[in-house]
PDB file of N, CA and C in Angstrom:
ATOM      1  N   MET A   1     137.356 179.151  85.429  1.00  0.00           N
ATOM      2  CA  MET A   1     137.448 177.887  84.728  1.00  0.00           C
ATOM      3  C   MET A   1     137.720 176.738  85.699  1.00  0.00           C
ATOM      4  N   ILE A   2     138.568 176.969  86.683  1.00  0.00           N
ATOM      5  CA  ILE A   2     138.897 175.930  87.660  1.00  0.00           C
ATOM      6  C   ILE A   2     137.661 175.595  88.496  1.00  0.00           C
ATOM      7  N   GLU A   3     136.850 176.628  88.802  1.00  0.00           N
ATOM      8  CA  GLU A   3     135.644 176.387  89.589  1.00  0.00           C
ATOM      9  C   GLU A   3     134.686 175.444  88.852  1.00  0.00           C
ATOM     10  N   ILE A   4     134.569 175.623  87.553  1.00  0.00           N
ATOM     11  CA  ILE A   4     133.683 174.767  86.755  1.00  0.00           C
ATOM     12  C   ILE A   4     134.211 173.341  86.737  1.00  0.00           C
ATOM     13  N   LEU A   5     135.505 173.182  86.580  1.00  0.00           N
ATOM     14  CA  LEU A   5     136.130 171.857  86.576  1.00  0.00           C
ATOM     15  C   LEU A   5     135.963 171.179  87.929  1.00  0.00           C
ATOM     16  N   LEU A   6     136.181 171.897  89.029  1.00  0.00           N
ATOM     17  CA  LEU A   6     135.995 171.331  90.367  1.00  0.00           C
ATOM     18  C   LEU A   6     134.523 170.993  90.616  1.00  0.00           C
ATOM     19  N   GLY A   7     133.618 171.826  90.157  1.00  0.00           N
ATOM     20  CA  GLY A   7     132.185 171.557  90.293  1.00  0.00           C
ATOM     21  C   GLY A   7     131.779 170.293  89.546  1.00  0.00           C
ATOM     22  N   ALA A   8     132.302 170.127  88.328  1.00  0.00           N
ATOM     23  CA  ALA A   8     131.992 168.933  87.539  1.00  0.00           C
ATOM     24  C   ALA A   8     132.575 167.693  88.204  1.00  0.00           C
ATOM     25  N   LEU A   9     133.775 167.800  88.742  1.00  0.00           N
ATOM     26  CA  LEU A   9     134.420 166.678  89.431  1.00  0.00           C
ATOM     27  C   LEU A   9     133.635 166.309  90.689  1.00  0.00           C
ATOM     28  N   LEU A  10     133.215 167.317  91.432  1.00  0.00           N
ATOM     29  CA  LEU A  10     132.419 167.080  92.633  1.00  0.00           C
ATOM     30  C   LEU A  10     131.085 166.428  92.273  1.00  0.00           C
ATOM     31  N   PHE A  11     130.446 166.905  91.201  1.00  0.00           N
ATOM     32  CA  PHE A  11     129.192 166.320  90.746  1.00  0.00           C
ATOM     33  C   PHE A  11     129.366 164.843  90.391  1.00  0.00           C
ATOM     34  N   CYS A  12     130.431 164.511  89.686  1.00  0.00           N
ATOM     35  CA  CYS A  12     130.700 163.121  89.292  1.00  0.00           C
ATOM     36  C   CYS A  12     130.929 162.245  90.521  1.00  0.00           C
ATOM     37  N   ALA A  13     131.663 162.767  91.500  1.00  0.00           N
ATOM     38  CA  ALA A  13     131.933 161.994  92.716  1.00  0.00           C
ATOM     39  C   ALA A  13     130.645 161.724  93.487  1.00  0.00           C
ATOM     40  N   VAL A  14     129.811 162.735  93.624  1.00  0.00           N
ATOM     41  CA  VAL A  14     128.541 162.567  94.333  1.00  0.00           C
ATOM     42  C   VAL A  14     127.656 161.581  93.574  1.00  0.00           C
ATOM     43  N   ALA A  15     127.554 161.708  92.272  1.00  0.00           N
ATOM     44  CA  ALA A  15     126.743 160.803  91.462  1.00  0.00           C
ATOM     45  C   ALA A  15     127.231 159.362  91.594  1.00  0.00           C
ATOM     46  N   TYR A  16     128.531 159.175  91.635  1.00  0.00           N
ATOM     47  CA  TYR A  16     129.110 157.828  91.773  1.00  0.00           C
ATOM     48  C   TYR A  16     128.647 157.184  93.088  1.00  0.00           C
ATOM     49  N   PHE A  17     128.731 157.918  94.188  1.00  0.00           N
ATOM     50  CA  PHE A  17     128.350 157.359  95.483  1.00  0.00           C
ATOM     51  C   PHE A  17     126.843 157.214  95.640  1.00  0.00           C
ATOM     52  N   VAL A  18     126.084 158.118  95.075  1.00  0.00           N
ATOM     53  CA  VAL A  18     124.629 158.034  95.171  1.00  0.00           C
ATOM     54  C   VAL A  18     124.109 156.844  94.363  1.00  0.00           C
ATOM     55  N   LEU A  19     124.711 156.570  93.231  1.00  0.00           N
ATOM     56  CA  LEU A  19     124.245 155.488  92.366  1.00  0.00           C
ATOM     57  C   LEU A  19     124.858 154.132  92.705  1.00  0.00           C
ATOM     58  N   ALA A  20     125.765 154.069  93.678  1.00  0.00           N
ATOM     59  CA  ALA A  20     126.424 152.809  94.037  1.00  0.00           C
ATOM     60  C   ALA A  20     125.425 151.715  94.413  1.00  0.00           C
ATOM     61  N   PRO A  21     124.405 151.976  95.233  1.00  0.00           N
ATOM     62  CA  PRO A  21     123.455 150.896  95.551  1.00  0.00           C
ATOM     63  C   PRO A  21     122.726 150.352  94.328  1.00  0.00           C
ATOM     64  N   LEU A  22     122.447 151.206  93.371  1.00  0.00           N
ATOM     65  CA  LEU A  22     121.780 150.736  92.155  1.00  0.00           C
ATOM     66  C   LEU A  22     122.699 149.837  91.344  1.00  0.00           C
ATOM     67  N   ARG A  23     123.959 150.200  91.255  1.00  0.00           N
ATOM     68  CA  ARG A  23     124.904 149.349  90.519  1.00  0.00           C
ATOM     69  C   ARG A  23     125.057 148.010  91.214  1.00  0.00           C
ATOM     70  N   ARG A  24     125.119 148.006  92.529  1.00  0.00           N
ATOM     71  CA  ARG A  24     125.285 146.774  93.288  1.00  0.00           C
ATOM     72  C   ARG A  24     124.064 145.881  93.113  1.00  0.00           C
ATOM     73  N   ALA A  25     122.853 146.444  93.150  1.00  0.00           N
ATOM     74  CA  ALA A  25     121.628 145.659  93.005  1.00  0.00           C
ATOM     75  C   ALA A  25     121.551 145.015  91.630  1.00  0.00           C
ATOM     76  N   GLU A  26     121.988 145.703  90.596  1.00  0.00           N
ATOM     77  CA  GLU A  26     121.972 145.130  89.253  1.00  0.00           C
ATOM     78  C   GLU A  26     122.944 143.975  89.138  1.00  0.00           C
ATOM     79  N   GLY A  27     124.097 144.092  89.729  1.00  0.00           N
ATOM     80  CA  GLY A  27     125.118 143.057  89.640  1.00  0.00           C
ATOM     81  C   GLY A  27     124.795 141.816  90.444  1.00  0.00           C
ATOM     82  N   GLU A  28     124.018 141.961  91.520  1.00  0.00           N
ATOM     83  CA  GLU A  28     123.748 140.827  92.380  1.00  0.00           C
ATOM     84  C   GLU A  28     122.605 139.969  91.868  1.00  0.00           C
ATOM     85  N   GLY A  29     121.626 140.546  91.229  1.00  0.00           N
ATOM     86  CA  GLY A  29     120.529 139.796  90.641  1.00  0.00           C
ATOM     87  C   GLY A  29     119.736 138.989  91.640  1.00  0.00           C
ATOM     88  N   GLY A  30     120.138 137.744  91.911  1.00  0.00           N
ATOM     89  CA  GLY A  30     119.415 136.836  92.780  1.00  0.00           C
ATOM     90  C   GLY A  30     119.432 137.232  94.235  1.00  0.00           C
ATOM     91  N   ASP A  31     120.374 138.035  94.673  1.00  0.00           N
ATOM     92  CA  ASP A  31     120.450 138.408  96.081  1.00  0.00           C
ATOM     93  C   ASP A  31     119.238 139.222  96.499  1.00  0.00           C
ATOM     94  N   GLY A  32     118.714 140.044  95.621  1.00  0.00           N
ATOM     95  CA  GLY A  32     117.518 140.812  95.940  1.00  0.00           C
ATOM     96  C   GLY A  32     116.324 139.900  96.159  1.00  0.00           C
ATOM     97  N   ALA A  33     116.186 138.892  95.320  1.00  0.00           N
ATOM     98  CA  ALA A  33     115.105 137.934  95.469  1.00  0.00           C
ATOM     99  C   ALA A  33     115.299 137.113  96.734  1.00  0.00           C
ATOM    100  N   GLN A  34     116.541 136.761  97.033  1.00  0.00           N
ATOM    101  CA  GLN A  34     116.834 135.990  98.245  1.00  0.00           C
ATOM    102  C   GLN A  34     116.509 136.827  99.486  1.00  0.00           C
ATOM    103  N   ALA A  35     116.878 138.078  99.479  1.00  0.00           N
ATOM    104  CA  ALA A  35     116.592 138.950 100.616  1.00  0.00           C
ATOM    105  C   ALA A  35     115.086 139.105 100.807  1.00  0.00           C
ATOM    106  N   ALA A  36     114.347 139.215  99.712  1.00  0.00           N
ATOM    107  CA  ALA A  36     112.892 139.329  99.802  1.00  0.00           C
ATOM    108  C   ALA A  36     112.290 138.044 100.364  1.00  0.00           C
ATOM    109  N   ARG A  37     112.798 136.898  99.939  1.00  0.00           N
ATOM    110  CA  ARG A  37     112.302 135.603 100.439  1.00  0.00           C
ATOM    111  C   ARG A  37     112.607 135.456 101.928  1.00  0.00           C
ATOM    112  N   ILE A  38     113.804 135.865 102.343  1.00  0.00           N
ATOM    113  CA  ILE A  38     114.170 135.797 103.762  1.00  0.00           C
ATOM    114  C   ILE A  38     113.251 136.702 104.576  1.00  0.00           C
ATOM    115  N   ALA A  39     112.993 137.897 104.081  1.00  0.00           N
ATOM    116  CA  ALA A  39     112.107 138.828 104.794  1.00  0.00           C
ATOM    117  C   ALA A  39     110.700 138.246 104.919  1.00  0.00           C
ATOM    118  N   GLU A  40     110.211 137.618 103.854  1.00  0.00           N
ATOM    119  CA  GLU A  40     108.882 137.011 103.888  1.00  0.00           C
ATOM    120  C   GLU A  40     108.833 135.865 104.895  1.00  0.00           C
ATOM    121  N   LEU A  41     109.874 135.017 104.903  1.00  0.00           N
ATOM    122  CA  LEU A  41     109.917 133.904 105.846  1.00  0.00           C
ATOM    123  C   LEU A  41     110.051 134.392 107.285  1.00  0.00           C
ATOM    124  N   GLN A  42     110.827 135.448 107.494  1.00  0.00           N
ATOM    125  CA  GLN A  42     110.959 136.021 108.839  1.00  0.00           C
ATOM    126  C   GLN A  42     109.601 136.516 109.331  1.00  0.00           C
ATOM    127  N   SER A  43     108.854 137.151 108.442  1.00  0.00           N
ATOM    128  CA  SER A  43     107.530 137.640 108.788  1.00  0.00           C
ATOM    129  C   SER A  43     106.595 136.484 109.139  1.00  0.00           C
ATOM    130  N   ARG A  44     106.644 135.428 108.340  1.00  0.00           N
ATOM    131  CA  ARG A  44     105.820 134.244 108.616  1.00  0.00           C
ATOM    132  C   ARG A  44     106.207 133.605 109.941  1.00  0.00           C
ATOM    133  N   LYS A  45     107.512 133.572 110.231  1.00  0.00           N
ATOM    134  CA  LYS A  45     107.998 132.993 111.483  1.00  0.00           C
ATOM    135  C   LYS A  45     107.458 133.772 112.679  1.00  0.00           C
ATOM    136  N   GLU A  46     107.566 135.087 112.630  1.00  0.00           N
ATOM    137  CA  GLU A  46     107.073 135.914 113.736  1.00  0.00           C
ATOM    138  C   GLU A  46     105.561 135.750 113.908  1.00  0.00           C
ATOM    139  N   SER A  47     104.842 135.668 112.808  1.00  0.00           N
ATOM    140  CA  SER A  47     103.400 135.466 112.864  1.00  0.00           C
ATOM    141  C   SER A  47     103.070 134.119 113.517  1.00  0.00           C
ATOM    142  N   LYS A  48     103.816 133.098 113.138  1.00  0.00           N
ATOM    143  CA  LYS A  48     103.577 131.765 113.703  1.00  0.00           C
ATOM    144  C   LYS A  48     103.889 131.762 115.199  1.00  0.00           C
ATOM    145  N   TYR A  49     104.962 132.448 115.612  1.00  0.00           N
ATOM    146  CA  TYR A  49     105.291 132.547 117.036  1.00  0.00           C
ATOM    147  C   TYR A  49     104.162 133.234 117.800  1.00  0.00           C
ATOM    148  N   ARG A  50     103.566 134.266 117.201  1.00  0.00           N
ATOM    149  CA  ARG A  50     102.440 134.943 117.849  1.00  0.00           C
ATOM    150  C   ARG A  50     101.255 133.983 118.008  1.00  0.00           C
ATOM    151  N   GLU A  51     101.009 133.183 116.978  1.00  0.00           N
ATOM    152  CA  GLU A  51      99.918 132.212 117.063  1.00  0.00           C
ATOM    153  C   GLU A  51     100.159 131.223 118.198  1.00  0.00           C
ATOM    154  N   ILE A  52     101.409 130.772 118.339  1.00  0.00           N
ATOM    155  CA  ILE A  52     101.740 129.837 119.416  1.00  0.00           C
ATOM    156  C   ILE A  52     101.504 130.492 120.775  1.00  0.00           C
ATOM    157  N   ARG A  53     101.966 131.731 120.937  1.00  0.00           N
ATOM    158  CA  ARG A  53     101.761 132.439 122.209  1.00  0.00           C
ATOM    159  C   ARG A  53     100.272 132.645 122.488  1.00  0.00           C
ATOM    160  N   ASP A  54      99.503 133.002 121.457  1.00  0.00           N
ATOM    161  CA  ASP A  54      98.063 133.201 121.632  1.00  0.00           C
ATOM    162  C   ASP A  54      97.381 131.902 122.055  1.00  0.00           C
ATOM    163  N   THR A  55      97.803 130.797 121.475  1.00  0.00           N
ATOM    164  CA  THR A  55      97.241 129.498 121.835  1.00  0.00           C
ATOM    165  C   THR A  55      97.565 129.166 123.286  1.00  0.00           C
ATOM    166  N   GLU A  56      98.799 129.443 123.705  1.00  0.00           N
ATOM    167  CA  GLU A  56      99.180 129.203 125.102  1.00  0.00           C
ATOM    168  C   GLU A  56      98.347 130.061 126.054  1.00  0.00           C
ATOM    169  N   LEU A  57      98.112 131.318 125.680  1.00  0.00           N
ATOM    170  CA  LEU A  57      97.302 132.200 126.519  1.00  0.00           C
ATOM    171  C   LEU A  57      95.851 131.728 126.574  1.00  0.00           C
ATOM    172  N   ASP A  58      95.320 131.291 125.431  1.00  0.00           N
ATOM    173  CA  ASP A  58      93.948 130.780 125.402  1.00  0.00           C
ATOM    174  C   ASP A  58      93.814 129.553 126.305  1.00  0.00           C
ATOM    175  N   HIS A  59      94.800 128.682 126.279  1.00  0.00           N
ATOM    176  CA  HIS A  59      94.766 127.488 127.125  1.00  0.00           C
ATOM    177  C   HIS A  59      94.851 127.883 128.595  1.00  0.00           C
ATOM    178  N   ALA A  60      95.734 128.818 128.916  1.00  0.00           N
ATOM    179  CA  ALA A  60      95.882 129.264 130.307  1.00  0.00           C
ATOM    180  C   ALA A  60      94.605 129.941 130.811  1.00  0.00           C
ATOM    181  N   ALA A  61      93.887 130.600 129.915  1.00  0.00           N
ATOM    182  CA  ALA A  61      92.649 131.283 130.292  1.00  0.00           C
ATOM    183  C   ALA A  61      91.451 130.332 130.313  1.00  0.00           C
ATOM    184  N   GLY A  62      91.667 129.076 129.940  1.00  0.00           N
ATOM    185  CA  GLY A  62      90.589 128.098 129.957  1.00  0.00           C
ATOM    186  C   GLY A  62      89.732 128.098 128.710  1.00  0.00           C
ATOM    187  N   LYS A  63      90.167 128.779 127.673  1.00  0.00           N
ATOM    188  CA  LYS A  63      89.393 128.826 126.428  1.00  0.00           C
ATOM    189  C   LYS A  63      89.593 127.584 125.571  1.00  0.00           C
ATOM    190  N   LEU A  64      90.686 126.841 125.835  1.00  0.00           N
ATOM    191  CA  LEU A  64      90.985 125.613 125.088  1.00  0.00           C
ATOM    192  C   LEU A  64      91.137 124.461 126.072  1.00  0.00           C
ATOM    193  N   SER A  65      90.554 123.320 125.717  1.00  0.00           N
ATOM    194  CA  SER A  65      90.751 122.129 126.541  1.00  0.00           C
ATOM    195  C   SER A  65      92.184 121.639 126.370  1.00  0.00           C
ATOM    196  N   ASP A  66      92.620 120.772 127.273  1.00  0.00           N
ATOM    197  CA  ASP A  66      93.978 120.231 127.187  1.00  0.00           C
ATOM    198  C   ASP A  66      94.203 119.510 125.862  1.00  0.00           C
ATOM    199  N   GLU A  67      93.205 118.727 125.455  1.00  0.00           N
ATOM    200  CA  GLU A  67      93.325 117.967 124.203  1.00  0.00           C
ATOM    201  C   GLU A  67      93.424 118.899 122.998  1.00  0.00           C
ATOM    202  N   ASP A  68      92.561 119.910 122.940  1.00  0.00           N
ATOM    203  CA  ASP A  68      92.597 120.868 121.833  1.00  0.00           C
ATOM    204  C   ASP A  68      93.911 121.642 121.822  1.00  0.00           C
ATOM    205  N   PHE A  69      94.369 122.014 123.019  1.00  0.00           N
ATOM    206  CA  PHE A  69      95.636 122.742 123.108  1.00  0.00           C
ATOM    207  C   PHE A  69      96.790 121.904 122.574  1.00  0.00           C
ATOM    208  N   ARG A  70      96.880 120.638 123.016  1.00  0.00           N
ATOM    209  CA  ARG A  70      97.981 119.780 122.559  1.00  0.00           C
ATOM    210  C   ARG A  70      97.965 119.614 121.048  1.00  0.00           C
ATOM    211  N   ARG A  71      96.780 119.405 120.481  1.00  0.00           N
ATOM    212  CA  ARG A  71      96.665 119.225 119.030  1.00  0.00           C
ATOM    213  C   ARG A  71      97.075 120.500 118.290  1.00  0.00           C
ATOM    214  N   GLN A  72      96.510 121.626 118.720  1.00  0.00           N
ATOM    215  CA  GLN A  72      96.789 122.891 118.044  1.00  0.00           C
ATOM    216  C   GLN A  72      98.244 123.310 118.234  1.00  0.00           C
ATOM    217  N   ASP A  73      98.782 123.115 119.433  1.00  0.00           N
ATOM    218  CA  ASP A  73     100.165 123.479 119.712  1.00  0.00           C
ATOM    219  C   ASP A  73     101.127 122.655 118.850  1.00  0.00           C
ATOM    220  N   ALA A  74     100.868 121.352 118.753  1.00  0.00           N
ATOM    221  CA  ALA A  74     101.733 120.497 117.942  1.00  0.00           C
ATOM    222  C   ALA A  74     101.695 120.913 116.470  1.00  0.00           C
ATOM    223  N   GLU A  75     100.504 121.229 115.992  1.00  0.00           N
ATOM    224  CA  GLU A  75     100.352 121.650 114.599  1.00  0.00           C
ATOM    225  C   GLU A  75     101.094 122.965 114.333  1.00  0.00           C
ATOM    226  N   LEU A  76     100.921 123.943 115.211  1.00  0.00           N
ATOM    227  CA  LEU A  76     101.576 125.241 115.035  1.00  0.00           C
ATOM    228  C   LEU A  76     103.093 125.120 115.124  1.00  0.00           C
ATOM    229  N   ARG A  77     103.578 124.307 116.044  1.00  0.00           N
ATOM    230  CA  ARG A  77     105.029 124.130 116.187  1.00  0.00           C
ATOM    231  C   ARG A  77     105.623 123.414 114.975  1.00  0.00           C
ATOM    232  N   ALA A  78     104.889 122.456 114.419  1.00  0.00           N
ATOM    233  CA  ALA A  78     105.362 121.775 113.206  1.00  0.00           C
ATOM    234  C   ALA A  78     105.456 122.768 112.045  1.00  0.00           C
ATOM    235  N   GLN A  79     104.468 123.659 111.951  1.00  0.00           N
ATOM    236  CA  GLN A  79     104.506 124.679 110.904  1.00  0.00           C
ATOM    237  C   GLN A  79     105.671 125.646 111.120  1.00  0.00           C
ATOM    238  N   ALA A  80     105.930 126.003 112.372  1.00  0.00           N
ATOM    239  CA  ALA A  80     107.047 126.900 112.684  1.00  0.00           C
ATOM    240  C   ALA A  80     108.378 126.240 112.317  1.00  0.00           C
ATOM    241  N   ILE A  81     108.511 124.961 112.615  1.00  0.00           N
ATOM    242  CA  ILE A  81     109.742 124.244 112.272  1.00  0.00           C
ATOM    243  C   ILE A  81     109.935 124.213 110.765  1.00  0.00           C
ATOM    244  N   GLU A  82     108.859 124.021 110.016  1.00  0.00           N
ATOM    245  CA  GLU A  82     108.955 124.020 108.549  1.00  0.00           C
ATOM    246  C   GLU A  82     109.436 125.380 108.042  1.00  0.00           C
ATOM    247  N   ILE A  83     108.917 126.455 108.629  1.00  0.00           N
ATOM    248  CA  ILE A  83     109.355 127.799 108.236  1.00  0.00           C
ATOM    249  C   ILE A  83     110.832 127.986 108.555  1.00  0.00           C
ATOM    250  N   LEU A  84     111.271 127.524 109.735  1.00  0.00           N
ATOM    251  CA  LEU A  84     112.685 127.638 110.108  1.00  0.00           C
ATOM    252  C   LEU A  84     113.574 126.840 109.155  1.00  0.00           C
ATOM    253  N   ASN A  85     113.116 125.656 108.753  1.00  0.00           N
ATOM    254  CA  ASN A  85     113.880 124.855 107.786  1.00  0.00           C
ATOM    255  C   ASN A  85     113.983 125.567 106.439  1.00  0.00           C
ATOM    256  N   GLN A  86     112.893 126.207 106.017  1.00  0.00           N
ATOM    257  CA  GLN A  86     112.917 126.964 104.766  1.00  0.00           C
ATOM    258  C   GLN A  86     113.897 128.131 104.865  1.00  0.00           C
ATOM    259  N   LEU A  87     113.914 128.802 106.014  1.00  0.00           N
ATOM    260  CA  LEU A  87     114.866 129.905 106.224  1.00  0.00           C
ATOM    261  C   LEU A  87     116.296 129.401 106.124  1.00  0.00           C
ATOM    262  N   ASP A  88     116.577 128.263 106.771  1.00  0.00           N
ATOM    263  CA  ASP A  88     117.917 127.691 106.703  1.00  0.00           C
ATOM    264  C   ASP A  88     118.301 127.359 105.260  1.00  0.00           C
ATOM    265  N   LYS A  89     117.359 126.805 104.522  1.00  0.00           N
ATOM    266  CA  LYS A  89     117.619 126.429 103.126  1.00  0.00           C
ATOM    267  C   LYS A  89     117.925 127.654 102.275  1.00  0.00           C
ATOM    268  N   VAL A  90     117.137 128.711 102.451  1.00  0.00           N
ATOM    269  CA  VAL A  90     117.339 129.934 101.668  1.00  0.00           C
ATOM    270  C   VAL A  90     118.691 130.561 102.008  1.00  0.00           C
ATOM    271  N   ARG A  91     119.052 130.493 103.264  1.00  0.00           N
ATOM    272  CA  ARG A  91     120.334 131.056 103.704  1.00  0.00           C
ATOM    273  C   ARG A  91     121.516 130.152 103.358  1.00  0.00           C
ATOM    274  N   GLY A  92     121.255 128.955 102.850  1.00  0.00           N
ATOM    275  CA  GLY A  92     122.330 128.054 102.443  1.00  0.00           C
ATOM    276  C   GLY A  92     122.871 127.205 103.566  1.00  0.00           C
ATOM    277  N   GLN A  93     122.083 127.033 104.626  1.00  0.00           N
ATOM    278  CA  GLN A  93     122.503 126.210 105.750  1.00  0.00           C
ATOM    279  C   GLN A  93     121.763 124.893 105.695  1.00  0.00           C
ATOM    280  N   GLN A  94     122.378 123.866 106.254  1.00  0.00           N
ATOM    281  CA  GLN A  94     121.731 122.564 106.347  1.00  0.00           C
ATOM    282  C   GLN A  94     121.092 122.424 107.719  1.00  0.00           C
ATOM    283  N   PRO A  95     119.831 121.955 107.807  1.00  0.00           N
ATOM    284  CA  PRO A  95     119.218 121.723 109.101  1.00  0.00           C
ATOM    285  C   PRO A  95     119.989 120.664 109.883  1.00  0.00           C
ATOM    286  N   ALA A  96     120.047 120.812 111.189  1.00  0.00           N
ATOM    287  CA  ALA A  96     120.729 119.837 112.035  1.00  0.00           C
ATOM    288  C   ALA A  96     119.958 118.538 112.042  1.00  0.00           C
ATOM    289  N   GLU A  97     120.645 117.415 112.094  1.00  0.00           N
ATOM    290  CA  GLU A  97     120.014 116.102 112.089  1.00  0.00           C
ATOM    291  C   GLU A  97     119.179 115.903 113.337  1.00  0.00           C
ATOM    292  N   GLY A  98     117.967 115.385 113.165  1.00  0.00           N
ATOM    293  CA  GLY A  98     117.139 114.988 114.277  1.00  0.00           C
ATOM    294  C   GLY A  98     116.502 116.122 115.065  1.00  0.00           C
ATOM    295  N   THR A  99     116.749 117.377 114.690  1.00  0.00           N
ATOM    296  CA  THR A  99     116.162 118.475 115.446  1.00  0.00           C
ATOM    297  C   THR A  99     115.221 119.298 114.581  1.00  0.00           C
ATOM    298  N   GLY A 100     115.038 118.900 113.354  1.00  0.00           N
ATOM    299  CA  GLY A 100     114.172 119.683 112.489  1.00  0.00           C
ATOM    300  C   GLY A 100     114.771 121.043 112.172  1.00  0.00           C
ATOM    301  N   GLY A 101     116.099 121.138 112.263  1.00  0.00           N
ATOM    302  CA  GLY A 101     116.756 122.376 111.916  1.00  0.00           C
ATOM    303  C   GLY A 101     117.089 123.256 113.091  1.00  0.00           C
ATOM    304  N   ARG A 102     116.675 122.872 114.292  1.00  0.00           N
ATOM    305  CA  ARG A 102     116.918 123.694 115.469  1.00  0.00           C
ATOM    306  C   ARG A 102     117.472 122.860 116.593  1.00  0.00           C
ATOM    307  N   ALA A 103     118.328 123.457 117.395  1.00  0.00           N
ATOM    308  CA  ALA A 103     118.850 122.784 118.567  1.00  0.00           C
ATOM    309  C   ALA A 103     117.767 122.723 119.625  1.00  0.00           C
ATOM    310  N   ALA A 104     117.781 121.665 120.425  1.00  0.00           N
ATOM    311  CA  ALA A 104     116.756 121.505 121.471  1.00  0.00           C
ATOM    312  C   ALA A 104     116.987 122.411 122.637  1.00  0.00           C
TER     313      ALA A 104
END
């Protein structure tokens, strides 16, 4: 009889710890959506950084003229800054004044 009681108690304890993440996710509600938005913005940021590096490599290899490089680089960096500002906003931070959200 004691073995059955200990087995049931052990089962309840394991179930409690296994189901803890599910209980936490239900209680947080918006945090799951916020985490998904942050992950999406992080992915966009990394993609934009790759585009900037690719543009720099194309310019160094002579595939882009100086004028085209400056235009494309400025455009890509402005888009990257916008993504960084969105990340700051989602995380509840205020962008720094005059830096577009990033220190120089």
